[in-house]
Amino acid sequence: MNKIKVCDLVDNGLSEKNGIILRNKILEYLEKDDKVTLDFSNITLFATPFFNSFIGYFVLKINPEKTKEKIIITNISELGKDTYNHSYENAVYIYNKKININQIGKITSETINED
């Protein structure tokens, strides 16, 4: 199993940008059909955009079960676990309901632009 020390790639788990950096590193392993362990030691700040941009991506791209099998999370704080689980469960819901995520983005964008 391959291990990614997240703090070697990013200094926090707050932004979509950092999540995409992590996603791209994970893709290197998953393209070879390998499993990957994400070590969150020394990462203490988390937000859903970070997790949405990598775990949400894989749940929707692969499927929930395979994502859980291929990506293992270690050394993460309770806040990190809660935030991760929130993003994962939202993505599973979208996957199971076959919700068009492009439509969600459009609705969100239209709502923001109304103000």
Protein backbone atom coordinates (compact mmCIF):
# COMPACT_ATOMS: atom_id res chain seq x y z
CA MET A 1 0.00 0.00 0.00
CA ASN A 2 1.22 3.48 -0.87
CA LYS A 3 1.31 6.28 1.67
CA ILE A 4 0.87 9.99 1.09
CA LYS A 5 1.89 12.27 3.91
CA VAL A 6 -0.58 15.07 3.24
CA CYS A 7 1.54 17.74 4.97
CA ASP A 8 4.25 17.14 2.36
CA LEU A 9 1.82 18.41 -0.29
CA VAL A 10 -0.28 21.06 1.49
CA ASP A 11 -0.20 22.91 4.79
CA ASN A 12 -3.94 22.77 5.53
CA GLY A 13 -7.17 21.09 4.53
CA LEU A 14 -9.17 24.22 3.89
CA SER A 15 -9.26 25.02 0.20
CA GLU A 16 -10.48 23.39 -2.97
CA LYS A 17 -7.06 24.16 -4.46
CA ASN A 18 -5.32 22.04 -1.80
CA GLY A 19 -7.84 19.26 -2.30
CA ILE A 20 -7.10 19.22 -6.03
CA ILE A 21 -3.37 19.00 -5.30
CA LEU A 22 -4.07 15.95 -3.14
CA ARG A 23 -6.49 14.51 -5.73
CA ASN A 24 -3.82 14.66 -8.42
CA LYS A 25 -1.34 12.80 -6.20
CA ILE A 26 -3.94 10.15 -5.37
CA LEU A 27 -4.69 9.72 -9.07
CA GLU A 28 -1.07 8.67 -9.67
CA TYR A 29 -1.68 5.61 -7.48
CA LEU A 30 -5.24 4.82 -8.48
CA GLU A 31 -4.31 4.84 -12.17
CA LYS A 32 -2.05 1.87 -11.32
CA ASP A 33 -4.98 0.29 -9.43
CA ASP A 34 -3.12 0.69 -6.13
CA LYS A 35 -4.53 1.53 -2.71
CA VAL A 36 -3.37 4.66 -0.96
CA THR A 37 -3.20 5.69 2.68
CA LEU A 38 -3.51 9.39 3.43
CA ASP A 39 -1.61 10.36 6.57
CA PHE A 40 -3.03 13.60 7.97
CA SER A 41 -0.38 14.07 10.67
CA ASN A 42 0.36 17.80 11.20
CA ILE A 43 -2.78 18.93 9.35
CA THR A 44 -5.20 20.56 11.79
CA LEU A 45 -7.45 22.87 9.74
CA PHE A 46 -10.23 21.43 7.59
CA ALA A 47 -13.17 22.59 5.48
CA THR A 48 -15.59 20.78 3.20
CA PRO A 49 -14.31 22.31 -0.07
CA PHE A 50 -10.99 20.54 0.55
CA PHE A 51 -12.62 17.13 1.01
CA ASN A 52 -15.23 17.69 -1.71
CA SER A 53 -12.50 18.28 -4.26
CA PHE A 54 -10.85 14.93 -3.69
CA ILE A 55 -13.05 12.44 -1.83
CA GLY A 56 -16.24 13.73 -3.43
CA TYR A 57 -14.54 13.56 -6.80
CA PHE A 58 -13.56 9.90 -6.35
CA VAL A 59 -16.94 8.83 -4.95
CA LEU A 60 -18.65 10.27 -8.02
CA LYS A 61 -16.00 9.11 -10.49
CA ILE A 62 -15.38 5.56 -9.24
CA ASN A 63 -18.17 4.69 -6.79
CA PRO A 64 -18.54 4.88 -2.99
CA GLU A 65 -17.47 1.32 -2.16
CA LYS A 66 -14.39 1.30 -4.36
CA THR A 67 -13.38 4.73 -3.05
CA LYS A 68 -13.58 3.49 0.54
CA GLU A 69 -11.57 0.42 -0.41
CA LYS A 70 -8.86 2.33 -2.30
CA ILE A 71 -8.41 5.44 -0.10
CA ILE A 72 -7.64 4.97 3.59
CA ILE A 73 -7.46 7.93 6.00
CA THR A 74 -5.11 7.87 9.03
CA ASN A 75 -3.92 10.23 11.77
CA ILE A 76 -6.75 12.70 11.32
CA SER A 77 -8.37 14.77 14.08
CA GLU A 78 -12.00 14.42 15.11
CA LEU A 79 -12.80 17.66 13.26
CA GLY A 80 -11.09 16.26 10.17
CA LYS A 81 -13.02 12.97 10.44
CA ASP A 82 -16.32 14.79 10.81
CA THR A 83 -15.62 17.07 7.86
CA TYR A 84 -14.39 14.16 5.73
CA ASN A 85 -17.46 12.06 6.59
CA HIS A 86 -19.76 14.96 5.76
CA SER A 87 -18.21 15.35 2.30
CA TYR A 88 -18.16 11.59 1.72
CA GLU A 89 -21.81 11.13 2.70
CA ASN A 90 -22.93 14.07 0.54
CA ALA A 91 -21.10 12.57 -2.43
CA VAL A 92 -22.64 9.13 -1.75
CA TYR A 93 -26.10 10.71 -1.65
CA ILE A 94 -25.49 12.46 -4.98
CA TYR A 95 -24.08 9.24 -6.46
CA ASN A 96 -27.01 7.11 -5.29
CA LYS A 97 -29.67 9.59 -6.38
CA LYS A 98 -27.88 10.18 -9.69
CA ILE A 99 -28.15 13.91 -9.16
CA ASN A 100 -26.62 15.99 -11.93
CA ILE A 101 -23.82 17.89 -10.17
CA ASN A 102 -23.62 20.37 -13.04
CA GLN A 103 -27.21 21.35 -12.27
CA ILE A 104 -26.32 21.85 -8.60
CA GLY A 105 -23.50 24.18 -9.64
CA LYS A 106 -25.84 26.10 -11.92
CA ILE A 107 -28.47 26.52 -9.19
CA THR A 108 -25.82 27.62 -6.69
CA SER A 109 -24.35 30.10 -9.17
CA GLU A 110 -27.78 31.54 -10.02
CA THR A 111 -28.64 31.91 -6.32
CA ILE A 112 -25.38 33.71 -5.57
CA ASN A 113 -25.84 36.05 -8.55
CA GLU A 114 -29.34 37.03 -7.39
CA ASP A 115 -27.91 39.03 -4.50
